[in-house]
Amino acid sequence: MRIVDAHHHIWRRADLPWLLGPTQPRIFGPYDPIKRDYLIEEFLEDIDGTGVEKSVYVQANWSPNWFVDEVAWVSRCAEESGWPHAIVGYADMTQEDARRDLDRLAAYPLMRGVRHQMHWHEEPLYRFASGPDVVGSDAVVANVGRLAEYGFVFELQIFAHQVPAALRLVKACPKVTFVLQHAGMPENLTEEGKAAWRASMETLAACKNVRCKVSGFGTFIHRNDPAHVAWAVSEAVALFGADRCLYGSNFPIEKLWTDYTSLIDAFMAATASMSDKEKDAIFRRTAEKIYRL
């Protein structure tokens, strides 16, 4: 099967302060094995034999003032190796007017979108944004709305309880395609937690400009669990439809607990009962359309 990995990272350790900080715990647990360079050559070794033909790089939280440097470096990697095939960069969507920054990013031909992580949780370890409703703030609505002028998508990273605020953003920007990160990050895997997540995702799925990225399912359990992947993928497809779902590996984060072949095998098992058309949408066609590959 032809596969597009719609969410991976590469990095140079020296450019990533979040990899070097000795005290701050991480949502994905101890991360010493990835406190090092993870370059495109290693990514290509990881995907060898898995059927991945194209990939989309998603920003890896360089220092905010280096947001252009990140895209410039990844662009050079693409020129030298042919990978990745598209880039999602970072721009501060909470500033008054992001157009100057977006203009600078738009100079790079592989730019396809922006991710500014907006997830917030009562558990401090799971926080990124300054508050739960930042995603629906006036500044974010205005700046994300401007992405349509650049042909950029917005990678929407929130928890299920933030959906009411996110709906304000999504509905105010009908010309922007939103790519929901990690299927809305289901972190409470009790039956009650799953039901709450499902109800919130159903509301978000009613917005036709939202796509669902099935990825990052090891984040809160710190392992590659094929049964968990199967649950999450089946729920996402039931809510959004296969034509609005797309696969991403979240490598090398998932490399903390698995290898790429095992990860893709879990996703293949999760979709085994689906039609060829549905599988083609999830693993290739939807990503190619969103990121113009």
Protein backbone atom coordinates (compact mmCIF):
# COMPACT_ATOMS: atom_id res chain seq x y z
CA MET A 1 0.00 0.00 0.00
CA ARG A 2 1.17 3.53 -0.81
CA ILE A 3 1.46 5.50 2.43
CA VAL A 4 1.90 9.15 3.29
CA ASP A 5 3.22 9.83 6.79
CA ALA A 6 1.40 13.07 7.53
CA HIS A 7 3.10 13.80 10.85
CA HIS A 8 6.74 13.30 11.70
CA HIS A 9 9.64 15.35 12.99
CA ILE A 10 13.35 15.58 12.37
CA TRP A 11 15.62 17.73 14.46
CA ARG A 12 19.04 18.84 15.48
CA ARG A 13 19.40 18.69 19.22
CA ALA A 14 21.17 22.05 19.40
CA ASP A 15 18.10 23.81 17.98
CA LEU A 16 15.61 22.35 20.45
CA PRO A 17 15.76 23.77 23.99
CA TRP A 18 12.85 21.53 24.99
CA LEU A 19 15.07 18.52 24.38
CA LEU A 20 17.84 19.87 26.56
CA GLY A 21 15.91 20.99 29.64
CA PRO A 22 16.88 18.68 32.53
CA THR A 23 13.92 19.20 34.86
CA GLN A 24 10.67 19.65 32.95
CA PRO A 25 8.72 16.37 32.66
CA ARG A 26 7.12 15.51 29.35
CA ILE A 27 3.67 14.34 28.35
CA PHE A 28 5.25 11.25 26.78
CA GLY A 29 7.40 10.31 29.79
CA PRO A 30 11.19 9.96 30.06
CA TYR A 31 12.72 10.99 26.76
CA ASP A 32 16.48 10.57 27.11
CA PRO A 33 16.69 8.32 24.01
CA ILE A 34 15.55 11.18 21.77
CA LYS A 35 17.75 13.88 23.30
CA ARG A 36 19.91 13.68 20.21
CA ASP A 37 19.93 14.49 16.53
CA TYR A 38 17.15 12.77 14.61
CA LEU A 39 17.91 13.53 10.99
CA ILE A 40 16.20 12.61 7.76
CA GLU A 41 18.65 9.75 7.16
CA GLU A 42 17.49 7.98 10.31
CA PHE A 43 13.85 8.61 9.48
CA LEU A 44 14.39 7.02 6.08
CA GLU A 45 15.99 4.01 7.77
CA ASP A 46 13.02 3.76 10.12
CA ILE A 47 10.45 3.73 7.31
CA ASP A 48 12.40 1.40 5.02
CA GLY A 49 10.17 -1.40 3.79
CA THR A 50 6.97 0.03 5.30
CA GLY A 51 5.43 1.42 2.10
CA VAL A 52 5.82 5.09 3.04
CA GLU A 53 6.33 7.08 -0.15
CA LYS A 54 5.89 10.65 1.06
CA SER A 55 5.96 12.53 4.34
CA VAL A 56 4.86 15.78 5.96
CA TYR A 57 7.08 17.44 8.53
CA VAL A 58 5.23 19.08 11.41
CA GLN A 59 7.01 21.73 13.48
CA ALA A 60 8.99 20.48 16.46
CA ASN A 61 8.91 23.50 18.79
CA TRP A 62 12.15 25.24 18.07
CA SER A 63 12.56 28.47 20.03
CA PRO A 64 9.71 30.72 18.83
CA ASN A 65 12.12 33.35 17.50
CA TRP A 66 13.62 30.65 15.24
CA PHE A 67 10.34 29.77 13.53
CA VAL A 68 11.68 30.73 10.09
CA ASP A 69 15.03 29.04 10.73
CA GLU A 70 13.21 25.75 11.35
CA VAL A 71 11.39 25.88 8.02
CA ALA A 72 14.55 27.00 6.24
CA TRP A 73 16.54 24.08 7.66
CA VAL A 74 13.86 21.49 6.83
CA SER A 75 13.62 22.97 3.35
CA ARG A 76 17.35 22.44 2.88
CA CYS A 77 16.96 18.85 4.04
CA ALA A 78 14.25 18.38 1.41
CA GLU A 79 16.45 19.87 -1.31
CA GLU A 80 19.29 17.52 -0.40
CA SER A 81 17.35 14.30 0.20
CA GLY A 82 13.94 14.72 -1.45
CA TRP A 83 12.28 14.34 1.98
CA PRO A 84 10.00 15.63 3.44
CA HIS A 85 7.50 16.58 0.75
CA ALA A 86 5.62 19.25 2.69
CA ILE A 87 6.20 21.35 5.80
CA VAL A 88 3.93 22.58 8.58
CA GLY A 89 5.70 25.40 10.37
CA TYR A 90 5.08 27.48 13.47
CA ALA A 91 3.78 31.01 13.79
CA ASP A 92 2.45 32.67 16.92
CA MET A 93 -1.32 32.76 16.39
CA THR A 94 -1.89 34.70 19.62
CA GLN A 95 -0.15 37.88 18.46
CA GLU A 96 -2.20 40.80 17.21
CA ASP A 97 -1.40 40.26 13.53
CA ALA A 98 0.60 37.27 12.26
CA ARG A 99 0.75 38.33 8.63
CA ARG A 100 4.36 39.51 8.73
CA ASP A 101 5.41 36.10 10.05
CA LEU A 102 3.19 34.25 7.58
CA ASP A 103 4.69 36.26 4.73
CA ARG A 104 8.14 35.07 5.75
CA LEU A 105 7.03 31.44 5.92
CA ALA A 106 5.24 31.66 2.59
CA ALA A 107 8.58 32.26 0.88
CA TYR A 108 9.34 28.54 1.27
CA PRO A 109 7.68 26.44 -1.47
CA LEU A 110 7.02 23.40 0.72
CA MET A 111 5.06 25.34 3.35
CA ARG A 112 1.52 23.98 3.70
CA GLY A 113 0.31 24.95 7.14
CA VAL A 114 0.84 26.17 10.68
CA ARG A 115 0.74 24.44 14.03
CA HIS A 116 0.51 26.45 17.23
CA GLN A 117 -0.36 23.96 19.94
CA MET A 118 -3.37 25.09 21.95
CA HIS A 119 -3.93 22.13 24.26
CA TRP A 120 -4.57 22.80 27.94
CA HIS A 121 -5.43 20.39 30.73
CA GLU A 122 -6.04 20.45 34.47
CA GLU A 123 -3.04 18.14 34.71
CA PRO A 124 -0.06 20.54 34.47
CA LEU A 125 2.01 17.92 32.66
CA TYR A 126 -0.46 18.07 29.78
CA ARG A 127 -0.51 21.85 29.37
CA PHE A 128 0.88 23.83 26.48
CA ALA A 129 -1.40 26.87 26.08
CA SER A 130 -1.81 29.45 28.83
CA GLY A 131 -5.48 28.62 29.26
CA PRO A 132 -8.23 26.32 27.96
CA ASP A 133 -9.99 28.96 25.88
CA VAL A 134 -7.01 30.52 24.10
CA VAL A 135 -7.91 28.53 21.00
CA GLY A 136 -11.11 30.56 20.63
CA SER A 137 -9.65 33.97 21.46
CA ASP A 138 -10.14 36.95 19.17
CA ALA A 139 -6.48 37.06 18.15
CA VAL A 140 -6.35 33.37 17.27
CA VAL A 141 -9.59 33.59 15.29
CA ALA A 142 -8.27 36.56 13.32
CA ASN A 143 -4.86 35.04 12.59
CA VAL A 144 -6.10 31.57 11.70
CA GLY A 145 -8.67 33.13 9.41
CA ARG A 146 -5.82 34.77 7.52
CA LEU A 147 -4.30 31.38 6.71
CA ALA A 148 -6.80 31.02 3.87
CA GLU A 149 -5.03 33.86 2.05
CA TYR A 150 -1.85 31.74 2.01
CA GLY A 151 -3.46 28.41 1.24
CA PHE A 152 -2.28 27.13 4.63
CA VAL A 153 -4.08 24.61 6.83
CA PHE A 154 -4.20 24.90 10.62
CA GLU A 155 -3.14 21.94 12.71
CA LEU A 156 -5.57 22.03 15.64
CA GLN A 157 -4.16 20.50 18.82
CA ILE A 158 -6.64 20.46 21.69
CA PHE A 159 -8.22 18.17 24.25
CA ALA A 160 -11.87 17.15 24.04
CA HIS A 161 -12.96 19.51 26.82
CA GLN A 162 -11.69 22.45 24.73
CA VAL A 163 -14.03 21.74 21.83
CA PRO A 164 -16.54 24.51 22.73
CA ALA A 165 -13.78 27.14 22.39
CA ALA A 166 -12.38 25.41 19.31
CA LEU A 167 -15.79 25.49 17.66
CA ARG A 168 -15.75 29.27 17.79
CA LEU A 169 -12.48 29.20 15.85
CA VAL A 170 -13.51 26.55 13.34
CA LYS A 171 -16.88 28.11 12.57
CA ALA A 172 -15.39 31.59 12.22
CA CYS A 173 -12.88 30.36 9.62
CA PRO A 174 -14.88 28.33 7.08
CA LYS A 175 -12.27 28.80 4.35
CA VAL A 176 -9.52 27.22 6.46
CA THR A 177 -8.99 23.46 6.64
CA PHE A 178 -8.37 22.31 10.21
CA VAL A 179 -6.38 19.13 10.83
CA LEU A 180 -7.26 17.78 14.26
CA GLN A 181 -4.06 16.50 15.83
CA HIS A 182 -3.92 12.99 17.27
CA ALA A 183 -7.72 12.55 16.97
CA GLY A 184 -8.33 15.06 19.73
CA MET A 185 -5.81 13.49 22.13
CA PRO A 186 -8.00 11.04 24.08
CA GLU A 187 -6.21 10.90 27.42
CA ASN A 188 -8.91 9.57 29.78
CA LEU A 189 -9.35 5.98 28.66
CA THR A 190 -12.00 5.00 31.18
CA GLU A 191 -15.39 4.27 29.68
CA GLU A 192 -16.62 7.60 31.01
CA GLY A 193 -13.62 9.40 29.54
CA LYS A 194 -14.04 7.75 26.17
CA ALA A 195 -17.73 8.70 26.09
CA ALA A 196 -16.92 12.34 26.85
CA TRP A 197 -14.23 12.40 24.17
CA ARG A 198 -16.61 10.81 21.65
CA ALA A 199 -19.36 13.35 22.36
CA SER A 200 -16.96 16.26 21.87
CA MET A 201 -15.49 14.81 18.68
CA GLU A 202 -18.97 14.27 17.28
CA THR A 203 -19.65 17.98 17.67
CA LEU A 204 -16.37 18.89 16.00
CA ALA A 205 -16.89 16.37 13.20
CA ALA A 206 -20.10 18.17 12.25
CA CYS A 207 -17.86 20.98 10.93
CA LYS A 208 -16.99 19.97 7.39
CA ASN A 209 -13.73 21.94 7.33
CA VAL A 210 -12.18 19.65 9.99
CA ARG A 211 -10.04 16.62 9.16
CA CYS A 212 -8.87 14.07 11.74
CA LYS A 213 -5.26 12.91 11.98
CA VAL A 214 -5.02 9.43 13.47
CA SER A 215 -1.65 9.57 15.16
CA GLY A 216 0.13 9.82 18.49
CA PHE A 217 -1.91 7.15 20.24
CA GLY A 218 1.03 6.07 22.38
CA THR A 219 1.32 9.51 23.97
CA PHE A 220 -0.65 8.81 27.14
CA ILE A 221 -0.04 5.07 27.51
CA HIS A 222 3.64 5.10 26.53
CA ARG A 223 3.43 2.00 24.36
CA ASN A 224 2.25 0.83 20.98
CA ASP A 225 -0.99 -0.98 21.80
CA PRO A 226 -2.68 -2.40 18.67
CA ALA A 227 -6.00 -2.72 20.50
CA HIS A 228 -5.90 0.94 21.51
CA VAL A 229 -4.92 1.98 17.99
CA ALA A 230 -7.82 -0.09 16.60
CA TRP A 231 -10.28 1.56 19.00
CA ALA A 232 -9.09 5.08 18.20
CA VAL A 233 -9.00 4.58 14.43
CA SER A 234 -12.43 2.94 14.30
CA GLU A 235 -13.93 5.74 16.40
CA ALA A 236 -12.32 8.43 14.26
CA VAL A 237 -13.56 6.85 11.04
CA ALA A 238 -17.06 6.42 12.49
CA LEU A 239 -17.14 10.10 13.45
CA PHE A 240 -15.39 11.77 10.52
CA GLY A 241 -15.55 9.19 7.74
CA ALA A 242 -12.48 7.65 6.12
CA ASP A 243 -12.27 10.45 3.56
CA ARG A 244 -11.62 12.94 6.36
CA CYS A 245 -9.05 10.86 8.26
CA LEU A 246 -5.32 10.67 7.65
CA TYR A 247 -2.46 8.69 9.16
CA GLY A 248 0.60 10.15 10.89
CA SER A 249 3.41 8.39 12.74
CA ASN A 250 4.47 11.09 15.24
CA PHE A 251 8.02 9.76 14.86
CA PRO A 252 10.44 9.88 16.56
CA ILE A 253 8.28 10.44 19.66
CA GLU A 254 6.68 7.01 19.18
CA LYS A 255 10.18 5.61 18.79
CA LEU A 256 10.43 5.88 22.57
CA TRP A 257 8.37 2.69 22.82
CA THR A 258 8.14 1.09 19.39
CA ASP A 259 9.68 0.80 15.94
CA TYR A 260 8.11 2.07 12.73
CA THR A 261 7.27 -1.35 11.32
CA SER A 262 5.40 -2.34 14.49
CA LEU A 263 3.56 0.98 14.50
CA ILE A 264 2.41 0.72 10.88
CA ASP A 265 1.45 -2.91 11.48
CA ALA A 266 -0.87 -1.77 14.28
CA PHE A 267 -2.54 0.72 11.95
CA MET A 268 -2.84 -1.87 9.20
CA ALA A 269 -4.49 -4.28 11.62
CA ALA A 270 -6.84 -1.50 12.75
CA THR A 271 -8.00 -0.92 9.18
CA ALA A 272 -7.96 -4.54 7.99
CA SER A 273 -11.74 -4.82 7.71
CA MET A 274 -12.11 -1.55 5.79
CA SER A 275 -12.47 -1.30 2.04
CA ASP A 276 -9.48 -0.57 -0.18
CA LYS A 277 -10.97 2.84 -0.90
CA GLU A 278 -11.22 3.67 2.81
CA LYS A 279 -7.70 2.49 3.50
CA ASP A 280 -6.36 4.47 0.55
CA ALA A 281 -8.02 7.60 1.92
CA ILE A 282 -6.58 7.17 5.41
CA PHE A 283 -3.07 6.25 4.36
CA ARG A 284 -2.62 8.37 1.23
CA ARG A 285 -5.37 10.27 -0.55
CA THR A 286 -6.59 12.57 2.22
CA ALA A 287 -3.06 13.69 3.11
CA GLU A 288 -2.15 14.25 -0.53
CA LYS A 289 -5.18 16.52 -0.95
CA ILE A 290 -4.70 18.49 2.28
CA TYR A 291 -0.97 19.07 1.83
CA ARG A 292 -1.01 19.30 -1.99
CA LEU A 293 1.53 16.51 -2.42
